[in-house]
Amino acid sequence: MSGSSRKTLHPGTVLDCYRVIKLIGSGGFSLIYLAEDEDNHDEVAIKEYFPKRFGMRDKSGRVLVNNPDKTANYERGRRLFYQEAHILAQLDHPNIVRVRNCFLDNNTAYLVMDYEPGKNLGRYIKKRKGNLSTNFLMTVFPPLLEALETIHATNNLHLDIKPSNIHLRPGGNPLLLDFGAVYHLDDVGNKKAQVITPGFSPVEQYYASAKVGPCTDVYAVGAAMRACIEGKPPPSAVERHAKDTLQPAARLFAKRYPAHLLEAVDWAMRIEASERPQSADELRRALLGELSAPKLG
């Protein structure tokens, strides 16, 4: 993935004790580099806070704001970037990316993570045009839901689960990435989501007055599974809320997948939050055939 609209750090640049090898990814608010820890020669991934819309780099490598009016936005984003590092550092799960370090340099922030070879689920779905096997789905999603249960146990929500934020290590062992939208539930639980991905964000993420909870992430997991089957994102939740034309997976794909798996996907993707599994573990158990989706009405 190219970071062509932003000037990237040159290979050989040293940050703290890490030497940059090459750019390996980019997002709306960050660039990701492969680097080497000069102390022990481990390969690491370094995420650099660098907003695409209002970031620029000077000749010395410092990240600056290209519009003075955006200074407050830049500083707020950098604080949230640090918050992501703090939350990730508390989470110890084999299917959650592991943070090694976080530091300030070049007027920005850097997050150092274990480098894990593998492929991106979003790109894999596009390449295969969906139609991924039952075995694949059962290799990837139950462990991912266990990781999600760990996140929810700390009273946090991910709020940006989608195929492009799921990394597949060799053998399909999944890794949940990008905690930039993570949200700590307060007593009220109200939030207008900063990150909305049509097709994967449920309807409550679109409205400031709506309550979010573990079932918000559950919807996104169901939508990611549906994308693995169909090869494309589902319709947006707002469209579905206005008029739901999405055919149940249990009806469309009955010849290709086990009934209990398809019913679990449909349950996770119900429009009303109260009608979905209320925890990641409920959805995991439904996928394993240990729990049946309750009938509507």
Protein backbone atom coordinates (compact mmCIF):
# COMPACT_ATOMS: atom_id res chain seq x y z
CA MET A 1 0.00 0.00 0.00
CA SER A 2 1.47 3.34 -0.96
CA GLY A 3 1.81 6.44 1.18
CA SER A 4 2.31 8.57 -1.95
CA SER A 5 0.29 11.57 -0.71
CA ARG A 6 2.54 11.83 2.36
CA LYS A 7 6.31 12.03 2.45
CA THR A 8 7.47 8.87 4.19
CA LEU A 9 10.54 8.29 6.34
CA HIS A 10 13.56 7.14 4.33
CA PRO A 11 14.84 3.57 4.74
CA GLY A 12 17.69 3.67 7.25
CA THR A 13 16.08 6.38 9.39
CA VAL A 14 16.62 5.60 13.07
CA LEU A 15 13.76 6.19 15.53
CA ASP A 16 14.70 5.57 19.15
CA CYS A 17 16.50 2.19 18.77
CA TYR A 18 14.67 1.12 15.59
CA ARG A 19 15.97 1.38 12.02
CA VAL A 20 13.31 1.85 9.33
CA ILE A 21 13.45 -0.74 6.53
CA LYS A 22 10.43 0.19 4.36
CA LEU A 23 6.84 1.40 4.31
CA ILE A 24 4.38 -1.51 4.55
CA GLY A 25 1.00 0.18 5.06
CA SER A 26 -0.97 3.39 5.41
CA GLY A 27 -4.29 4.58 6.77
CA GLY A 28 -6.14 7.85 7.17
CA PHE A 29 -4.19 8.80 10.28
CA SER A 30 -1.01 6.75 10.13
CA LEU A 31 1.86 5.25 8.17
CA ILE A 32 3.24 1.80 9.05
CA TYR A 33 6.86 0.79 8.57
CA LEU A 34 8.79 -2.43 8.82
CA ALA A 35 11.81 -1.77 11.04
CA GLU A 36 14.58 -3.56 12.90
CA ASP A 37 15.27 -3.30 16.62
CA GLU A 38 18.99 -2.48 16.64
CA ASP A 39 19.42 -3.97 20.12
CA ASN A 40 18.19 -7.50 19.42
CA HIS A 41 17.66 -7.44 15.59
CA ASP A 42 13.95 -8.33 15.88
CA GLU A 43 11.72 -7.17 13.03
CA VAL A 44 9.00 -4.82 14.28
CA ALA A 45 6.13 -2.82 12.81
CA ILE A 46 6.14 0.90 13.65
CA LYS A 47 2.96 2.92 13.31
CA GLU A 48 3.55 6.68 12.86
CA TYR A 49 0.79 9.19 13.63
CA PHE A 50 0.50 11.20 10.41
CA PRO A 51 -3.00 12.48 9.44
CA LYS A 52 -3.50 12.30 5.69
CA ARG A 53 -5.71 15.39 5.43
CA PHE A 54 -3.69 17.91 7.42
CA GLY A 55 -0.23 16.43 8.02
CA MET A 56 3.00 17.33 6.23
CA ARG A 57 6.69 16.50 6.77
CA ASP A 58 9.54 18.99 6.73
CA LYS A 59 13.09 18.32 5.52
CA SER A 60 14.24 17.24 8.99
CA GLY A 61 11.55 14.53 9.15
CA ARG A 62 9.25 16.35 11.58
CA VAL A 63 5.49 15.97 11.06
CA LEU A 64 3.74 19.36 10.99
CA VAL A 65 0.23 20.68 10.40
CA ASN A 66 -0.40 22.11 6.94
CA ASN A 67 -3.17 24.39 8.20
CA PRO A 68 -2.90 26.33 11.52
CA ASP A 69 -6.67 25.89 11.99
CA LYS A 70 -6.07 22.13 12.28
CA THR A 71 -3.53 22.33 15.12
CA ALA A 72 -6.09 21.40 17.79
CA ASN A 73 -7.30 18.47 15.65
CA TYR A 74 -3.71 17.29 15.20
CA GLU A 75 -2.95 17.41 18.91
CA ARG A 76 -6.22 15.70 19.81
CA GLY A 77 -5.48 12.94 17.30
CA ARG A 78 -2.02 12.46 18.77
CA ARG A 79 -3.54 12.10 22.25
CA LEU A 80 -5.96 9.46 20.94
CA PHE A 81 -3.03 7.68 19.28
CA TYR A 82 -1.33 7.51 22.66
CA GLN A 83 -4.58 6.30 24.21
CA GLU A 84 -4.62 3.44 21.67
CA ALA A 85 -1.11 2.46 22.78
CA HIS A 86 -2.09 2.59 26.45
CA ILE A 87 -5.12 0.35 25.92
CA LEU A 88 -3.23 -2.13 23.74
CA ALA A 89 -0.45 -2.36 26.33
CA GLN A 90 -3.05 -3.62 28.85
CA LEU A 91 -4.42 -6.34 26.55
CA ASP A 92 -2.64 -9.66 26.56
CA HIS A 93 -4.20 -12.05 24.07
CA PRO A 94 -2.64 -14.15 21.28
CA ASN A 95 -5.11 -12.70 18.73
CA ILE A 96 -4.55 -9.02 19.61
CA VAL A 97 -1.54 -7.20 18.19
CA ARG A 98 1.17 -6.83 20.86
CA VAL A 99 2.63 -3.40 21.66
CA ARG A 100 6.33 -3.24 22.55
CA ASN A 101 6.86 0.49 22.91
CA CYS A 102 5.41 3.94 22.34
CA PHE A 103 7.39 7.16 22.14
CA LEU A 104 7.40 10.75 20.85
CA ASP A 105 9.76 11.96 18.11
CA ASN A 106 9.58 14.22 15.04
CA ASN A 107 6.70 16.17 16.68
CA THR A 108 4.55 13.05 16.42
CA ALA A 109 3.98 9.68 18.12
CA TYR A 110 5.16 6.16 17.27
CA LEU A 111 3.68 2.82 18.27
CA VAL A 112 6.01 -0.20 18.05
CA MET A 113 4.38 -3.60 17.61
CA ASP A 114 5.47 -7.15 16.93
CA TYR A 115 5.86 -7.68 13.19
CA GLU A 116 3.70 -10.60 12.07
CA PRO A 117 4.04 -11.96 8.51
CA GLY A 118 0.79 -12.79 6.79
CA LYS A 119 -1.96 -11.26 4.67
CA ASN A 120 -4.83 -8.84 5.09
CA LEU A 121 -8.32 -10.38 5.21
CA GLY A 122 -9.85 -7.50 3.22
CA ARG A 123 -7.45 -8.04 0.32
CA TYR A 124 -7.83 -11.82 0.59
CA ILE A 125 -11.64 -11.54 0.24
CA LYS A 126 -11.22 -9.36 -2.87
CA LYS A 127 -8.72 -11.75 -4.41
CA ARG A 128 -10.88 -14.81 -3.75
CA LYS A 129 -14.18 -12.99 -4.49
CA GLY A 130 -15.58 -14.36 -1.24
CA ASN A 131 -16.83 -17.94 -1.11
CA LEU A 132 -14.36 -18.69 1.69
CA SER A 133 -14.77 -22.13 3.24
CA THR A 134 -16.50 -23.16 6.46
CA ASN A 135 -13.11 -24.35 7.72
CA PHE A 136 -11.61 -20.91 7.01
CA LEU A 137 -14.45 -19.10 8.83
CA MET A 138 -14.16 -21.42 11.84
CA THR A 139 -10.36 -20.96 11.93
CA VAL A 140 -10.55 -17.16 11.89
CA PHE A 141 -13.65 -16.02 13.77
CA PRO A 142 -13.93 -18.00 17.04
CA PRO A 143 -10.40 -16.92 18.14
CA LEU A 144 -11.18 -13.36 17.03
CA LEU A 145 -14.32 -13.39 19.20
CA GLU A 146 -12.26 -14.63 22.16
CA ALA A 147 -9.96 -11.62 21.63
CA LEU A 148 -12.99 -9.35 21.48
CA GLU A 149 -14.30 -10.80 24.74
CA THR A 150 -10.94 -9.85 26.32
CA ILE A 151 -11.31 -6.27 25.04
CA HIS A 152 -14.90 -6.02 26.29
CA ALA A 153 -13.85 -7.36 29.71
CA THR A 154 -11.76 -4.18 30.14
CA ASN A 155 -14.91 -2.12 29.41
CA ASN A 156 -13.59 -1.10 26.00
CA LEU A 157 -15.14 -1.44 22.55
CA HIS A 158 -13.13 -1.76 19.32
CA LEU A 159 -15.70 0.04 17.09
CA ASP A 160 -13.77 -0.48 13.84
CA ILE A 161 -13.89 -4.20 13.11
CA LYS A 162 -13.82 -4.91 9.38
CA PRO A 163 -11.88 -7.28 7.11
CA SER A 164 -9.10 -4.74 6.48
CA ASN A 165 -8.44 -4.63 10.24
CA ILE A 166 -8.02 -8.42 10.47
CA HIS A 167 -4.56 -9.83 9.74
CA LEU A 168 -4.16 -13.49 8.81
CA ARG A 169 -0.99 -15.14 9.98
CA PRO A 170 0.17 -18.41 8.38
CA GLY A 171 -2.50 -21.08 8.82
CA GLY A 172 -5.24 -18.44 9.09
CA ASN A 173 -4.44 -17.58 12.73
CA PRO A 174 -6.09 -14.13 13.04
CA LEU A 175 -4.82 -10.94 14.58
CA LEU A 176 -7.10 -7.99 15.36
CA LEU A 177 -5.52 -4.68 14.34
CA ASP A 178 -6.11 -0.93 14.52
CA PHE A 179 -7.45 0.19 17.87
CA GLY A 180 -7.61 3.84 16.79
CA ALA A 181 -11.37 4.04 17.32
CA VAL A 182 -11.37 2.20 20.65
CA TYR A 183 -13.90 3.55 23.14
CA HIS A 184 -14.08 3.14 26.90
CA LEU A 185 -17.67 2.64 28.02
CA ASP A 186 -18.78 5.11 30.65
CA ASP A 187 -21.95 4.86 32.74
CA VAL A 188 -24.03 6.38 29.96
CA GLY A 189 -22.51 4.57 27.01
CA ASN A 190 -23.39 7.29 24.51
CA LYS A 191 -21.04 8.01 21.65
CA LYS A 192 -20.98 9.39 18.16
CA ALA A 193 -18.46 7.15 16.46
CA GLN A 194 -15.47 8.85 14.90
CA VAL A 195 -14.92 5.97 12.50
CA ILE A 196 -17.82 4.63 10.47
CA THR A 197 -17.37 2.01 7.77
CA PRO A 198 -20.54 1.51 5.70
CA GLY A 199 -21.52 -2.15 5.68
CA PHE A 200 -19.66 -2.97 8.90
CA SER A 201 -20.80 -0.28 11.37
CA PRO A 202 -24.25 -0.94 12.88
CA VAL A 203 -26.92 1.74 12.95
CA GLU A 204 -26.20 2.89 16.53
CA GLN A 205 -22.71 4.04 15.52
CA TYR A 206 -24.20 6.68 13.23
CA TYR A 207 -26.15 8.60 15.89
CA ALA A 208 -24.85 10.56 18.88
CA SER A 209 -27.92 9.69 20.96
CA ALA A 210 -27.68 5.94 20.37
CA LYS A 211 -26.15 3.60 22.92
CA VAL A 212 -23.20 1.44 21.89
CA GLY A 213 -22.07 -1.76 23.59
CA PRO A 214 -20.47 -5.16 22.97
CA CYS A 215 -23.27 -5.98 20.50
CA THR A 216 -21.99 -3.07 18.35
CA ASP A 217 -18.74 -4.97 17.74
CA VAL A 218 -20.71 -8.22 17.35
CA TYR A 219 -22.58 -6.72 14.36
CA ALA A 220 -19.26 -5.83 12.71
CA VAL A 221 -17.96 -9.39 13.16
CA GLY A 222 -21.14 -10.78 11.59
CA ALA A 223 -20.77 -8.35 8.68
CA ALA A 224 -17.12 -9.38 8.22
CA MET A 225 -18.19 -13.03 8.07
CA ARG A 226 -20.88 -12.19 5.54
CA ALA A 227 -18.23 -10.41 3.42
CA CYS A 228 -16.11 -13.59 3.53
CA ILE A 229 -19.08 -15.50 2.12
CA GLU A 230 -20.37 -12.96 -0.44
CA GLY A 231 -17.13 -11.24 -1.44
CA LYS A 232 -18.43 -7.71 -0.83
CA PRO A 233 -19.49 -5.52 2.12
CA PRO A 234 -23.15 -5.79 3.16
CA PRO A 235 -25.42 -2.76 2.59
CA SER A 236 -24.98 0.06 5.09
CA ALA A 237 -26.91 -0.24 8.34
CA VAL A 238 -28.61 3.11 7.67
CA GLU A 239 -29.98 1.76 4.36
CA ARG A 240 -31.06 -1.42 6.11
CA HIS A 241 -32.72 0.57 8.90
CA ALA A 242 -34.74 2.54 6.32
CA LYS A 243 -35.60 -0.52 4.23
CA ASP A 244 -33.96 -3.87 4.79
CA THR A 245 -33.52 -5.72 1.50
CA LEU A 246 -30.68 -7.94 2.73
CA GLN A 247 -31.65 -11.57 2.26
CA PRO A 248 -30.81 -13.82 5.25
CA ALA A 249 -27.58 -15.74 4.80
CA ALA A 250 -29.39 -18.84 6.09
CA ARG A 251 -31.65 -18.66 3.03
CA LEU A 252 -29.11 -17.66 0.36
CA PHE A 253 -26.18 -19.92 1.22
CA ALA A 254 -27.84 -22.99 2.76
CA LYS A 255 -26.26 -25.36 0.22
CA ARG A 256 -22.73 -24.14 0.92
CA TYR A 257 -22.50 -23.65 4.70
CA PRO A 258 -23.87 -25.28 7.89
CA ALA A 259 -27.23 -23.89 9.00
CA HIS A 260 -26.04 -22.98 12.51
CA LEU A 261 -23.14 -20.89 11.10
CA LEU A 262 -25.40 -18.92 8.74
CA GLU A 263 -28.01 -18.42 11.47
CA ALA A 264 -25.26 -17.05 13.75
CA VAL A 265 -24.22 -14.54 11.06
CA ASP A 266 -27.84 -13.42 10.59
CA TRP A 267 -28.30 -13.10 14.37
CA ALA A 268 -25.17 -10.94 14.70
CA MET A 269 -26.38 -8.67 11.89
CA ARG A 270 -29.85 -7.91 13.20
CA ILE A 271 -30.57 -4.22 12.87
CA GLU A 272 -31.87 -3.70 16.42
CA ALA A 273 -29.04 -3.90 18.94
CA SER A 274 -31.22 -5.64 21.54
CA GLU A 275 -31.96 -8.51 19.13
CA ARG A 276 -28.28 -9.44 18.51
CA PRO A 277 -25.97 -11.56 20.67
CA GLN A 278 -25.17 -9.33 23.64
CA SER A 279 -21.59 -10.56 23.96
CA ALA A 280 -18.77 -11.79 21.74
CA ASP A 281 -18.90 -15.08 23.62
CA GLU A 282 -22.58 -15.59 22.71
CA LEU A 283 -21.73 -15.25 19.02
CA ARG A 284 -18.71 -17.55 19.41
CA ARG A 285 -20.89 -20.22 21.02
CA ALA A 286 -23.49 -19.84 18.25
CA LEU A 287 -20.77 -20.37 15.63
CA LEU A 288 -19.69 -23.52 17.44
CA GLY A 289 -23.28 -24.80 17.48
CA GLU A 290 -23.55 -24.53 21.27
CA LEU A 291 -26.24 -21.82 21.21
CA SER A 292 -29.19 -21.21 18.90
CA ALA A 293 -30.23 -17.80 17.64
CA PRO A 294 -33.55 -16.78 19.20
CA LYS A 295 -36.45 -16.43 16.77
CA LEU A 296 -37.71 -12.94 15.95
CA GLY A 297 -41.20 -11.96 16.99
